[in-house]
């Protein structure tokens, strides 16, 4: 029936419009029999319930957290790190009956992404791997929307849940130094889907990822005498790590160690070695970062960070009134497995 409203249902049942509203929004205030009669009548009349947008306007609450990230939407479902983080965040959101709105911010469409953030019906935002200078971050602040970042900020008023990227990478650098590695290739993320048929060398000042910069600095801190070469095969993915590692392995000055600034890139490097008959840990060391679920069965040496706990902590700060800590530094751990070994003698 066209034009059926809350008032239509109230008139048909013989109750007030507020009583019909309570049947949907405050069921505990009605007897079970009355609520059933109201819902049955609404169904007969074709009334779907109160308009969610109008209810949000009245209450001032959208019931949703925006999750901002600088990648394609598919990344949230395919990257193991993103999946783990979102799983932790979703656990807390579910506890507080809150939805998650995934908001990819394409580097190719800054204006479009910023406009989406400006118009989004959200109560708070989780800023997941988004540069602090991105316009969307300023828009959130201007709108007065509480936000928590996964990157550490220098401003005392910022809320964040992060790790000490430099210190974490330094743990890996120290391990490689003890093993005698002085010729190292680092696989970096350049945010592009592809850089061509092979990987390419990049300079430090070309790196656009803040986390990548700090991880490189951590490696350099403990490897002052090593030659560290930066290579990229594209954005953060297995295929990019494979492409970049193929380029490094087939060069005339093959390194003794390859470090992926994420596990997915390091696992791609291990695949490139396998194709060439090279054994990780014997012929060449491979190490990663994050300790995603696939790292252990692959025997990958890596830096472990509490991915799911990070998502939970972000959710607590945003939703739990009992959460008072606004800046949380999570622990990291070097996990040594079979993919790392002494530098081979040339």
C-alpha atoms as a PDB file:
ATOM      1  CA  UNK A   1       0.000   0.000   0.000  1.00  0.00           C
ATOM      2  CA  UNK A   2       1.525   3.317  -1.106  1.00  0.00           C
ATOM      3  CA  UNK A   3       1.927   6.107   1.413  1.00  0.00           C
ATOM      4  CA  UNK A   4       1.775   3.927   4.506  1.00  0.00           C
ATOM      5  CA  UNK A   5       3.299   5.739   7.478  1.00  0.00           C
ATOM      6  CA  UNK A   6       3.789   5.203  11.176  1.00  0.00           C
ATOM      7  CA  UNK A   7       0.573   7.185  11.754  1.00  0.00           C
ATOM      8  CA  UNK A   8      -1.311   4.871   9.374  1.00  0.00           C
ATOM      9  CA  UNK A   9      -0.310   1.858  11.450  1.00  0.00           C
ATOM     10  CA  UNK A  10      -1.162   3.645  14.711  1.00  0.00           C
ATOM     11  CA  UNK A  11      -4.664   4.460  13.449  1.00  0.00           C
ATOM     12  CA  UNK A  12      -5.239   0.871  12.275  1.00  0.00           C
ATOM     13  CA  UNK A  13      -4.159  -0.596  15.638  1.00  0.00           C
ATOM     14  CA  UNK A  14      -5.846   2.101  17.693  1.00  0.00           C
ATOM     15  CA  UNK A  15      -2.765   3.320  19.501  1.00  0.00           C
ATOM     16  CA  UNK A  16      -0.618   6.463  19.442  1.00  0.00           C
ATOM     17  CA  UNK A  17       2.194   6.941  16.903  1.00  0.00           C
ATOM     18  CA  UNK A  18       4.717   6.935  19.781  1.00  0.00           C
ATOM     19  CA  UNK A  19       3.497   3.463  20.781  1.00  0.00           C
ATOM     20  CA  UNK A  20       4.121   2.194  17.254  1.00  0.00           C
ATOM     21  CA  UNK A  21       7.578   3.796  17.363  1.00  0.00           C
ATOM     22  CA  UNK A  22       8.287   2.035  20.664  1.00  0.00           C
ATOM     23  CA  UNK A  23       7.398  -1.300  19.061  1.00  0.00           C
ATOM     24  CA  UNK A  24      10.483  -0.847  16.855  1.00  0.00           C
ATOM     25  CA  UNK A  25      12.835   1.218  18.997  1.00  0.00           C
ATOM     26  CA  UNK A  26      11.916   0.457  22.626  1.00  0.00           C
ATOM     27  CA  UNK A  27      10.232  -2.966  22.653  1.00  0.00           C
ATOM     28  CA  UNK A  28      10.794  -3.366  26.391  1.00  0.00           C
ATOM     29  CA  UNK A  29       8.205  -0.640  27.026  1.00  0.00           C
ATOM     30  CA  UNK A  30       5.378  -2.682  25.452  1.00  0.00           C
ATOM     31  CA  UNK A  31       3.761  -5.985  26.285  1.00  0.00           C
ATOM     32  CA  UNK A  32       4.713  -8.813  23.968  1.00  0.00           C
ATOM     33  CA  UNK A  33       1.110  -9.166  22.786  1.00  0.00           C
ATOM     34  CA  UNK A  34       0.736  -5.497  21.866  1.00  0.00           C
ATOM     35  CA  UNK A  35       4.058  -5.390  20.066  1.00  0.00           C
ATOM     36  CA  UNK A  36       3.157  -8.492  18.069  1.00  0.00           C
ATOM     37  CA  UNK A  37      -0.181  -6.925  17.072  1.00  0.00           C
ATOM     38  CA  UNK A  38       1.524  -3.721  15.951  1.00  0.00           C
ATOM     39  CA  UNK A  39       4.181  -5.541  13.909  1.00  0.00           C
ATOM     40  CA  UNK A  40       1.607  -7.858  12.324  1.00  0.00           C
ATOM     41  CA  UNK A  41      -0.585  -4.902  11.329  1.00  0.00           C
ATOM     42  CA  UNK A  42       2.439  -3.058   9.935  1.00  0.00           C
ATOM     43  CA  UNK A  43       3.333  -6.077   7.829  1.00  0.00           C
ATOM     44  CA  UNK A  44      -0.218  -6.367   6.505  1.00  0.00           C
ATOM     45  CA  UNK A  45      -0.206  -2.694   5.521  1.00  0.00           C
ATOM     46  CA  UNK A  46       3.249  -2.903   3.964  1.00  0.00           C
ATOM     47  CA  UNK A  47       4.975  -0.633   6.481  1.00  0.00           C
ATOM     48  CA  UNK A  48       8.717  -1.414   6.679  1.00  0.00           C
ATOM     49  CA  UNK A  49       9.421   0.458   9.921  1.00  0.00           C
ATOM     50  CA  UNK A  50      10.773   3.903  10.905  1.00  0.00           C
ATOM     51  CA  UNK A  51      13.090   5.572   8.420  1.00  0.00           C
ATOM     52  CA  UNK A  52      16.670   5.008   9.569  1.00  0.00           C
ATOM     53  CA  UNK A  53      17.915   8.335   8.183  1.00  0.00           C
ATOM     54  CA  UNK A  54      15.181  10.310   9.908  1.00  0.00           C
ATOM     55  CA  UNK A  55      15.842   8.476  13.168  1.00  0.00           C
ATOM     56  CA  UNK A  56      19.543   9.302  12.883  1.00  0.00           C
ATOM     57  CA  UNK A  57      18.752  12.978  12.361  1.00  0.00           C
ATOM     58  CA  UNK A  58      16.525  13.066  15.438  1.00  0.00           C
ATOM     59  CA  UNK A  59      19.005  11.265  17.669  1.00  0.00           C
ATOM     60  CA  UNK A  60      22.136  12.870  16.249  1.00  0.00           C
ATOM     61  CA  UNK A  61      23.653   9.384  15.939  1.00  0.00           C
ATOM     62  CA  UNK A  62      24.333   7.443  12.760  1.00  0.00           C
ATOM     63  CA  UNK A  63      25.272   4.200  14.531  1.00  0.00           C
ATOM     64  CA  UNK A  64      28.335   3.759  12.318  1.00  0.00           C
ATOM     65  CA  UNK A  65      32.125   4.101  12.411  1.00  0.00           C
ATOM     66  CA  UNK A  66      33.863   5.143   9.210  1.00  0.00           C
ATOM     67  CA  UNK A  67      37.015   3.177   8.401  1.00  0.00           C
ATOM     68  CA  UNK A  68      39.297   5.300   6.218  1.00  0.00           C
ATOM     69  CA  UNK A  69      42.097   3.651   4.249  1.00  0.00           C
ATOM     70  CA  UNK A  70      44.131   4.627   1.192  1.00  0.00           C
ATOM     71  CA  UNK A  71      43.557   1.699  -1.112  1.00  0.00           C
ATOM     72  CA  UNK A  72      40.861   0.032  -3.171  1.00  0.00           C
ATOM     73  CA  UNK A  73      37.872  -1.462  -1.373  1.00  0.00           C
ATOM     74  CA  UNK A  74      39.028  -4.991  -2.258  1.00  0.00           C
ATOM     75  CA  UNK A  75      42.136  -4.423  -0.113  1.00  0.00           C
ATOM     76  CA  UNK A  76      40.014  -4.597   3.041  1.00  0.00           C
ATOM     77  CA  UNK A  77      38.988  -8.147   2.149  1.00  0.00           C
ATOM     78  CA  UNK A  78      42.199  -9.466   0.584  1.00  0.00           C
ATOM     79  CA  UNK A  79      45.105  -8.108   2.633  1.00  0.00           C
ATOM     80  CA  UNK A  80      45.705 -10.302   5.719  1.00  0.00           C
ATOM     81  CA  UNK A  81      46.777  -7.355   7.870  1.00  0.00           C
ATOM     82  CA  UNK A  82      43.671  -5.346   6.970  1.00  0.00           C
ATOM     83  CA  UNK A  83      41.440  -8.379   7.536  1.00  0.00           C
ATOM     84  CA  UNK A  84      42.909  -8.954  11.005  1.00  0.00           C
ATOM     85  CA  UNK A  85      42.604  -5.302  12.002  1.00  0.00           C
ATOM     86  CA  UNK A  86      38.990  -5.075  10.811  1.00  0.00           C
ATOM     87  CA  UNK A  87      38.104  -8.304  12.603  1.00  0.00           C
ATOM     88  CA  UNK A  88      39.261  -6.814  15.910  1.00  0.00           C
ATOM     89  CA  UNK A  89      37.474  -3.521  15.257  1.00  0.00           C
ATOM     90  CA  UNK A  90      34.289  -5.343  14.242  1.00  0.00           C
ATOM     91  CA  UNK A  91      34.264  -7.338  17.490  1.00  0.00           C
ATOM     92  CA  UNK A  92      34.031  -4.145  19.533  1.00  0.00           C
ATOM     93  CA  UNK A  93      31.619  -2.467  17.103  1.00  0.00           C
ATOM     94  CA  UNK A  94      29.271  -5.439  17.385  1.00  0.00           C
ATOM     95  CA  UNK A  95      29.423  -5.240  21.171  1.00  0.00           C
ATOM     96  CA  UNK A  96      28.156  -1.655  20.953  1.00  0.00           C
ATOM     97  CA  UNK A  97      25.632  -2.360  18.150  1.00  0.00           C
ATOM     98  CA  UNK A  98      27.574  -0.169  15.744  1.00  0.00           C
ATOM     99  CA  UNK A  99      28.173  -0.681  12.030  1.00  0.00           C
ATOM    100  CA  UNK A 100      31.388  -0.220  10.056  1.00  0.00           C
ATOM    101  CA  UNK A 101      31.410   1.925   6.911  1.00  0.00           C
ATOM    102  CA  UNK A 102      34.449   1.153   4.759  1.00  0.00           C
ATOM    103  CA  UNK A 103      35.714   4.315   3.056  1.00  0.00           C
ATOM    104  CA  UNK A 104      38.576   3.812   0.580  1.00  0.00           C
ATOM    105  CA  UNK A 105      40.432   7.046  -0.227  1.00  0.00           C
ATOM    106  CA  UNK A 106      41.906   6.658  -3.689  1.00  0.00           C
ATOM    107  CA  UNK A 107      45.206   8.440  -4.207  1.00  0.00           C
ATOM    108  CA  UNK A 108      43.996   9.145  -7.755  1.00  0.00           C
ATOM    109  CA  UNK A 109      40.837  10.919  -6.576  1.00  0.00           C
ATOM    110  CA  UNK A 110      41.651  13.040  -3.528  1.00  0.00           C
ATOM    111  CA  UNK A 111      38.668  15.339  -4.109  1.00  0.00           C
ATOM    112  CA  UNK A 112      36.188  12.475  -4.415  1.00  0.00           C
ATOM    113  CA  UNK A 113      37.444  10.786  -1.279  1.00  0.00           C
ATOM    114  CA  UNK A 114      37.351  14.011   0.679  1.00  0.00           C
ATOM    115  CA  UNK A 115      33.803  14.700  -0.492  1.00  0.00           C
ATOM    116  CA  UNK A 116      32.715  11.232   0.659  1.00  0.00           C
ATOM    117  CA  UNK A 117      34.131  11.894   4.122  1.00  0.00           C
ATOM    118  CA  UNK A 118      32.411  15.276   4.224  1.00  0.00           C
ATOM    119  CA  UNK A 119      29.018  13.691   3.507  1.00  0.00           C
ATOM    120  CA  UNK A 120      29.379  10.402   5.397  1.00  0.00           C
ATOM    121  CA  UNK A 121      26.838   9.666   8.132  1.00  0.00           C
ATOM    122  CA  UNK A 122      29.264   8.443  10.800  1.00  0.00           C
ATOM    123  CA  UNK A 123      29.708   9.026  14.522  1.00  0.00           C
ATOM    124  CA  UNK A 124      33.457   8.345  14.620  1.00  0.00           C
ATOM    125  CA  UNK A 125      36.316   7.277  12.383  1.00  0.00           C
ATOM    126  CA  UNK A 126      39.142   4.757  12.410  1.00  0.00           C
ATOM    127  CA  UNK A 127      41.996   6.158  10.331  1.00  0.00           C
ATOM    128  CA  UNK A 128      43.752   3.068   8.989  1.00  0.00           C
ATOM    129  CA  UNK A 129      47.063   3.676   7.206  1.00  0.00           C
ATOM    130  CA  UNK A 130      46.111   7.169   5.974  1.00  0.00           C
ATOM    131  CA  UNK A 131      48.782   9.921   5.799  1.00  0.00           C
ATOM    132  CA  UNK A 132      48.219  12.628   8.400  1.00  0.00           C
ATOM    133  CA  UNK A 133      48.332  15.296   5.677  1.00  0.00           C
ATOM    134  CA  UNK A 134      45.405  13.773   3.730  1.00  0.00           C
ATOM    135  CA  UNK A 135      42.531  16.321   3.446  1.00  0.00           C
ATOM    136  CA  UNK A 136      40.079  13.751   4.817  1.00  0.00           C
ATOM    137  CA  UNK A 137      41.793  13.933   8.221  1.00  0.00           C
ATOM    138  CA  UNK A 138      41.231  17.690   8.366  1.00  0.00           C
ATOM    139  CA  UNK A 139      37.606  17.242   7.312  1.00  0.00           C
ATOM    140  CA  UNK A 140      36.961  14.876  10.214  1.00  0.00           C
ATOM    141  CA  UNK A 141      38.427  17.419  12.624  1.00  0.00           C
ATOM    142  CA  UNK A 142      36.362  20.241  11.121  1.00  0.00           C
ATOM    143  CA  UNK A 143      33.194  18.179  11.474  1.00  0.00           C
ATOM    144  CA  UNK A 144      34.031  17.391  15.088  1.00  0.00           C
ATOM    145  CA  UNK A 145      34.033  13.652  14.434  1.00  0.00           C
ATOM    146  CA  UNK A 146      36.148  11.710  16.967  1.00  0.00           C
ATOM    147  CA  UNK A 147      38.871   9.694  15.274  1.00  0.00           C
ATOM    148  CA  UNK A 148      41.630   7.256  16.161  1.00  0.00           C
ATOM    149  CA  UNK A 149      44.620   6.675  13.891  1.00  0.00           C
ATOM    150  CA  UNK A 150      46.844   3.631  13.500  1.00  0.00           C
ATOM    151  CA  UNK A 151      49.807   5.991  13.130  1.00  0.00           C
ATOM    152  CA  UNK A 152      51.468   7.833  15.990  1.00  0.00           C
ATOM    153  CA  UNK A 153      50.989  11.572  15.966  1.00  0.00           C
ATOM    154  CA  UNK A 154      53.103  14.215  17.598  1.00  0.00           C
ATOM    155  CA  UNK A 155      50.167  16.336  18.762  1.00  0.00           C
ATOM    156  CA  UNK A 156      49.134  15.556  22.358  1.00  0.00           C
ATOM    157  CA  UNK A 157      45.450  15.848  21.459  1.00  0.00           C
ATOM    158  CA  UNK A 158      45.527  13.082  18.845  1.00  0.00           C
ATOM    159  CA  UNK A 159      44.220   9.610  19.629  1.00  0.00           C
ATOM    160  CA  UNK A 160      46.124   6.657  18.211  1.00  0.00           C
ATOM    161  CA  UNK A 161      46.893   2.959  18.564  1.00  0.00           C
ATOM    162  CA  UNK A 162      50.245   2.171  16.993  1.00  0.00           C
ATOM    163  CA  UNK A 163      53.624   0.506  17.293  1.00  0.00           C
ATOM    164  CA  UNK A 164      57.094   2.024  17.405  1.00  0.00           C
ATOM    165  CA  UNK A 165      57.909   1.355  13.750  1.00  0.00           C
ATOM    166  CA  UNK A 166      61.564   2.383  14.050  1.00  0.00           C
ATOM    167  CA  UNK A 167      62.210   0.253  17.129  1.00  0.00           C
ATOM    168  CA  UNK A 168      60.407  -2.739  15.635  1.00  0.00           C
ATOM    169  CA  UNK A 169      62.424  -2.627  12.412  1.00  0.00           C
ATOM    170  CA  UNK A 170      65.627  -2.099  14.421  1.00  0.00           C
ATOM    171  CA  UNK A 171      65.036  -5.497  16.053  1.00  0.00           C
ATOM    172  CA  UNK A 172      65.090  -7.084  12.610  1.00  0.00           C
ATOM    173  CA  UNK A 173      68.096  -4.995  11.560  1.00  0.00           C
ATOM    174  CA  UNK A 174      70.021  -6.160  14.615  1.00  0.00           C
ATOM    175  CA  UNK A 175      69.201  -9.790  13.768  1.00  0.00           C
ATOM    176  CA  UNK A 176      70.459  -9.358  10.192  1.00  0.00           C
ATOM    177  CA  UNK A 177      73.595  -7.615  11.429  1.00  0.00           C
ATOM    178  CA  UNK A 178      74.404 -10.525  13.760  1.00  0.00           C
ATOM    179  CA  UNK A 179      74.027 -12.888  10.805  1.00  0.00           C
ATOM    180  CA  UNK A 180      76.599 -10.900   8.831  1.00  0.00           C
ATOM    181  CA  UNK A 181      74.347  -9.389   6.165  1.00  0.00           C
ATOM    182  CA  UNK A 182      75.804  -6.283   4.517  1.00  0.00           C
ATOM    183  CA  UNK A 183      73.999  -6.342   1.163  1.00  0.00           C
ATOM    184  CA  UNK A 184      70.237  -6.045   1.611  1.00  0.00           C
ATOM    185  CA  UNK A 185      67.288  -5.342  -0.646  1.00  0.00           C
ATOM    186  CA  UNK A 186      64.190  -3.853   0.963  1.00  0.00           C
ATOM    187  CA  UNK A 187      60.858  -4.335  -0.826  1.00  0.00           C
ATOM    188  CA  UNK A 188      58.767  -1.197  -0.458  1.00  0.00           C
ATOM    189  CA  UNK A 189      55.165  -0.240  -1.237  1.00  0.00           C
ATOM    190  CA  UNK A 190      54.716   2.587  -3.745  1.00  0.00           C
ATOM    191  CA  UNK A 191      50.872   2.581  -3.703  1.00  0.00           C
ATOM    192  CA  UNK A 192      50.722   1.793  -7.435  1.00  0.00           C
ATOM    193  CA  UNK A 193      49.104  -1.350  -8.826  1.00  0.00           C
ATOM    194  CA  UNK A 194      52.077  -2.036 -11.047  1.00  0.00           C
ATOM    195  CA  UNK A 195      55.338  -0.373 -11.967  1.00  0.00           C
ATOM    196  CA  UNK A 196      55.902  -2.294 -15.199  1.00  0.00           C
ATOM    197  CA  UNK A 197      57.080  -5.732 -16.191  1.00  0.00           C
ATOM    198  CA  UNK A 198      59.759  -5.831 -13.483  1.00  0.00           C
ATOM    199  CA  UNK A 199      60.581  -4.143 -10.217  1.00  0.00           C
ATOM    200  CA  UNK A 200      62.467  -0.864 -10.114  1.00  0.00           C
ATOM    201  CA  UNK A 201      64.964   0.791  -7.779  1.00  0.00           C
ATOM    202  CA  UNK A 202      63.661   3.759  -5.800  1.00  0.00           C
ATOM    203  CA  UNK A 203      65.272   6.424  -3.638  1.00  0.00           C
ATOM    204  CA  UNK A 204      64.308   7.005  -0.012  1.00  0.00           C
ATOM    205  CA  UNK A 205      62.831  10.416  -0.819  1.00  0.00           C
ATOM    206  CA  UNK A 206      60.434   8.747  -3.281  1.00  0.00           C
ATOM    207  CA  UNK A 207      58.792   6.697  -0.510  1.00  0.00           C
ATOM    208  CA  UNK A 208      55.281   8.003   0.214  1.00  0.00           C
ATOM    209  CA  UNK A 209      54.377   5.570   2.996  1.00  0.00           C
ATOM    210  CA  UNK A 210      55.234   6.945   6.459  1.00  0.00           C
ATOM    211  CA  UNK A 211      55.402   3.477   8.030  1.00  0.00           C
ATOM    212  CA  UNK A 212      57.772   2.355   5.270  1.00  0.00           C
ATOM    213  CA  UNK A 213      60.042   5.337   5.912  1.00  0.00           C
ATOM    214  CA  UNK A 214      60.255   4.565   9.628  1.00  0.00           C
ATOM    215  CA  UNK A 215      60.873   0.859   9.057  1.00  0.00           C
ATOM    216  CA  UNK A 216      63.719   1.664   6.686  1.00  0.00           C
ATOM    217  CA  UNK A 217      65.151   4.029   9.286  1.00  0.00           C
ATOM    218  CA  UNK A 218      64.968   1.259  11.887  1.00  0.00           C
ATOM    219  CA  UNK A 219      66.878  -1.128   9.620  1.00  0.00           C
ATOM    220  CA  UNK A 220      69.500   1.522   8.866  1.00  0.00           C
ATOM    221  CA  UNK A 221      69.925   2.190  12.576  1.00  0.00           C
ATOM    222  CA  UNK A 222      71.231  -1.327  13.215  1.00  0.00           C
ATOM    223  CA  UNK A 223      72.887  -1.833   9.822  1.00  0.00           C
ATOM    224  CA  UNK A 224      75.090   1.287   9.522  1.00  0.00           C
ATOM    225  CA  UNK A 225      77.696  -0.457   7.358  1.00  0.00           C
ATOM    226  CA  UNK A 226      75.288  -2.292   5.062  1.00  0.00           C
ATOM    227  CA  UNK A 227      74.297  -1.391   1.518  1.00  0.00           C
ATOM    228  CA  UNK A 228      70.521  -1.119   1.612  1.00  0.00           C
ATOM    229  CA  UNK A 229      68.848  -1.007  -1.783  1.00  0.00           C
ATOM    230  CA  UNK A 230      65.146  -0.084  -2.091  1.00  0.00           C
ATOM    231  CA  UNK A 231      63.105  -1.904  -4.733  1.00  0.00           C
ATOM    232  CA  UNK A 232      59.402  -1.786  -5.514  1.00  0.00           C
ATOM    233  CA  UNK A 233      57.103  -3.917  -7.613  1.00  0.00           C
ATOM    234  CA  UNK A 234      53.943  -1.924  -6.889  1.00  0.00           C
ATOM    235  CA  UNK A 235      51.435  -1.664  -4.086  1.00  0.00           C
ATOM    236  CA  UNK A 236      51.422  -3.886  -1.010  1.00  0.00           C
ATOM    237  CA  UNK A 237      50.664  -7.338  -2.415  1.00  0.00           C
ATOM    238  CA  UNK A 238      52.146 -10.809  -2.934  1.00  0.00           C
ATOM    239  CA  UNK A 239      52.476 -10.180  -6.687  1.00  0.00           C
ATOM    240  CA  UNK A 240      54.400  -6.959  -6.068  1.00  0.00           C
ATOM    241  CA  UNK A 241      56.818  -8.726  -3.741  1.00  0.00           C
ATOM    242  CA  UNK A 242      57.285 -11.477  -6.326  1.00  0.00           C
ATOM    243  CA  UNK A 243      57.997  -8.974  -9.098  1.00  0.00           C
ATOM    244  CA  UNK A 244      60.402  -6.881  -7.031  1.00  0.00           C
ATOM    245  CA  UNK A 245      62.260  -9.947  -5.756  1.00  0.00           C
ATOM    246  CA  UNK A 246      62.630 -11.360  -9.270  1.00  0.00           C
ATOM    247  CA  UNK A 247      64.235  -8.086 -10.288  1.00  0.00           C
ATOM    248  CA  UNK A 248      66.635  -8.178  -7.308  1.00  0.00           C
ATOM    249  CA  UNK A 249      67.496 -11.865  -7.639  1.00  0.00           C
ATOM    250  CA  UNK A 250      68.238 -11.628 -11.353  1.00  0.00           C
ATOM    251  CA  UNK A 251      70.481  -8.576 -11.004  1.00  0.00           C
ATOM    252  CA  UNK A 252      74.252  -8.930 -11.253  1.00  0.00           C
ATOM    253  CA  UNK A 253      74.682  -7.833  -7.640  1.00  0.00           C
ATOM    254  CA  UNK A 254      72.302 -10.211  -5.899  1.00  0.00           C
ATOM    255  CA  UNK A 255      71.807  -9.340  -2.202  1.00  0.00           C
ATOM    256  CA  UNK A 256      72.354 -11.721   0.698  1.00  0.00           C
ATOM    257  CA  UNK A 257      69.029 -10.749   2.293  1.00  0.00           C
ATOM    258  CA  UNK A 258      65.627  -9.491   1.176  1.00  0.00           C
ATOM    259  CA  UNK A 259      63.358  -7.681   3.626  1.00  0.00           C
ATOM    260  CA  UNK A 260      59.706  -7.173   2.807  1.00  0.00           C
ATOM    261  CA  UNK A 261      58.195  -4.247   4.691  1.00  0.00           C
ATOM    262  CA  UNK A 262      55.118  -6.473   4.906  1.00  0.00           C
ATOM    263  CA  UNK A 263      54.804 -10.239   5.111  1.00  0.00           C
ATOM    264  CA  UNK A 264      52.829 -10.470   1.870  1.00  0.00           C
ATOM    265  CA  UNK A 265      55.740  -8.958  -0.047  1.00  0.00           C
ATOM    266  CA  UNK A 266      58.230 -11.207   1.748  1.00  0.00           C
ATOM    267  CA  UNK A 267      56.132 -14.262   0.865  1.00  0.00           C
ATOM    268  CA  UNK A 268      56.214 -13.120  -2.761  1.00  0.00           C
ATOM    269  CA  UNK A 269      59.999 -12.986  -2.508  1.00  0.00           C
ATOM    270  CA  UNK A 270      60.086 -16.546  -1.173  1.00  0.00           C
ATOM    271  CA  UNK A 271      58.089 -17.662  -4.201  1.00  0.00           C
ATOM    272  CA  UNK A 272      60.591 -15.965  -6.511  1.00  0.00           C
ATOM    273  CA  UNK A 273      63.394 -17.849  -4.760  1.00  0.00           C
ATOM    274  CA  UNK A 274      61.552 -21.150  -5.055  1.00  0.00           C
ATOM    275  CA  UNK A 275      61.228 -20.750  -8.823  1.00  0.00           C
ATOM    276  CA  UNK A 276      65.004 -20.195  -9.006  1.00  0.00           C
ATOM    277  CA  UNK A 277      65.830 -23.198  -6.849  1.00  0.00           C
ATOM    278  CA  UNK A 278      67.013 -21.050  -3.949  1.00  0.00           C
ATOM    279  CA  UNK A 279      66.340 -22.032  -0.345  1.00  0.00           C
ATOM    280  CA  UNK A 280      65.432 -19.262   2.142  1.00  0.00           C
ATOM    281  CA  UNK A 281      67.760 -19.247   5.113  1.00  0.00           C
ATOM    282  CA  UNK A 282      70.505 -21.101   3.256  1.00  0.00           C
ATOM    283  CA  UNK A 283      71.072 -19.373  -0.072  1.00  0.00           C
ATOM    284  CA  UNK A 284      69.546 -16.062   0.892  1.00  0.00           C
ATOM    285  CA  UNK A 285      67.686 -14.653   3.897  1.00  0.00           C
ATOM    286  CA  UNK A 286      64.098 -13.404   3.617  1.00  0.00           C
ATOM    287  CA  UNK A 287      62.286 -11.520   6.371  1.00  0.00           C
ATOM    288  CA  UNK A 288      58.959  -9.725   6.667  1.00  0.00           C
ATOM    289  CA  UNK A 289      56.851  -7.583   8.915  1.00  0.00           C
ATOM    290  CA  UNK A 290      53.495  -8.179  10.720  1.00  0.00           C
ATOM    291  CA  UNK A 291      53.435 -11.977  11.333  1.00  0.00           C
ATOM    292  CA  UNK A 292      50.243 -12.645   9.399  1.00  0.00           C
ATOM    293  CA  UNK A 293      48.778 -16.184   9.650  1.00  0.00           C
ATOM    294  CA  UNK A 294      50.619 -17.387   6.517  1.00  0.00           C
ATOM    295  CA  UNK A 295      54.035 -16.413   7.897  1.00  0.00           C
ATOM    296  CA  UNK A 296      54.460 -19.309  10.344  1.00  0.00           C
ATOM    297  CA  UNK A 297      53.745 -22.217   7.939  1.00  0.00           C
ATOM    298  CA  UNK A 298      56.079 -20.583   5.419  1.00  0.00           C
ATOM    299  CA  UNK A 299      58.875 -20.412   8.012  1.00  0.00           C
ATOM    300  CA  UNK A 300      59.145 -16.644   7.561  1.00  0.00           C
ATOM    301  CA  UNK A 301      61.241 -14.631   9.984  1.00  0.00           C
ATOM    302  CA  UNK A 302      59.260 -11.505  10.772  1.00  0.00           C
ATOM    303  CA  UNK A 303      58.294  -8.791  13.231  1.00  0.00           C
ATOM    304  CA  UNK A 304      55.122  -9.695  15.081  1.00  0.00           C
ATOM    305  CA  UNK A 305      52.640  -6.996  15.933  1.00  0.00           C
ATOM    306  CA  UNK A 306      49.226  -7.600  17.592  1.00  0.00           C
ATOM    307  CA  UNK A 307      47.104  -6.907  14.511  1.00  0.00           C
ATOM    308  CA  UNK A 308      43.693  -7.923  15.842  1.00  0.00           C
ATOM    309  CA  UNK A 309      44.354  -6.353  19.248  1.00  0.00           C
ATOM    310  CA  UNK A 310      45.154  -3.090  17.485  1.00  0.00           C
ATOM    311  CA  UNK A 311      41.702  -3.129  15.887  1.00  0.00           C
ATOM    312  CA  UNK A 312      40.076  -3.911  19.226  1.00  0.00           C
ATOM    313  CA  UNK A 313      41.931  -1.059  20.938  1.00  0.00           C
ATOM    314  CA  UNK A 314      40.847   1.433  18.255  1.00  0.00           C
ATOM    315  CA  UNK A 315      37.252   0.296  18.733  1.00  0.00           C
ATOM    316  CA  UNK A 316      37.456   0.679  22.509  1.00  0.00           C
ATOM    317  CA  UNK A 317      38.740   4.235  22.295  1.00  0.00           C
ATOM    318  CA  UNK A 318      35.977   5.171  19.851  1.00  0.00           C
ATOM    319  CA  UNK A 319      33.037   3.397  21.494  1.00  0.00           C
ATOM    320  CA  UNK A 320      33.684   2.366  25.089  1.00  0.00           C
ATOM    321  CA  UNK A 321      33.013   5.135  27.629  1.00  0.00           C
ATOM    322  CA  UNK A 322      35.187   3.235  30.107  1.00  0.00           C
ATOM    323  CA  UNK A 323      38.236   3.561  27.840  1.00  0.00           C
ATOM    324  CA  UNK A 324      40.302   6.489  29.135  1.00  0.00           C
ATOM    325  CA  UNK A 325      43.662   5.870  27.451  1.00  0.00           C
ATOM    326  CA  UNK A 326      43.804   7.820  24.151  1.00  0.00           C
ATOM    327  CA  UNK A 327      47.305   6.915  22.956  1.00  0.00           C
ATOM    328  CA  UNK A 328      48.335   3.270  23.059  1.00  0.00           C
ATOM    329  CA  UNK A 329      51.730   1.913  22.004  1.00  0.00           C
ATOM    330  CA  UNK A 330      51.444  -1.789  21.209  1.00  0.00           C
ATOM    331  CA  UNK A 331      54.319  -4.270  21.676  1.00  0.00           C
ATOM    332  CA  UNK A 332      56.309  -5.938  18.883  1.00  0.00           C
ATOM    333  CA  UNK A 333      58.483  -9.031  18.802  1.00  0.00           C
ATOM    334  CA  UNK A 334      61.132 -10.463  16.496  1.00  0.00           C
ATOM    335  CA  UNK A 335      60.091 -13.983  15.492  1.00  0.00           C
ATOM    336  CA  UNK A 336      63.008 -15.944  14.041  1.00  0.00           C
ATOM    337  CA  UNK A 337      62.160 -18.824  11.717  1.00  0.00           C
ATOM    338  CA  UNK A 338      63.950 -20.856   9.054  1.00  0.00           C
ATOM    339  CA  UNK A 339      63.908 -18.167   6.331  1.00  0.00           C
ATOM    340  CA  UNK A 340      66.819 -16.322   7.935  1.00  0.00           C
ATOM    341  CA  UNK A 341      70.389 -17.558   8.237  1.00  0.00           C
ATOM    342  CA  UNK A 342      74.028 -16.435   8.045  1.00  0.00           C
ATOM    343  CA  UNK A 343      75.059 -14.379   5.049  1.00  0.00           C
ATOM    344  CA  UNK A 344      76.523 -16.714   2.387  1.00  0.00           C
ATOM    345  CA  UNK A 345      80.157 -16.214   1.484  1.00  0.00           C
ATOM    346  CA  UNK A 346      80.755 -15.041  -2.058  1.00  0.00           C
END
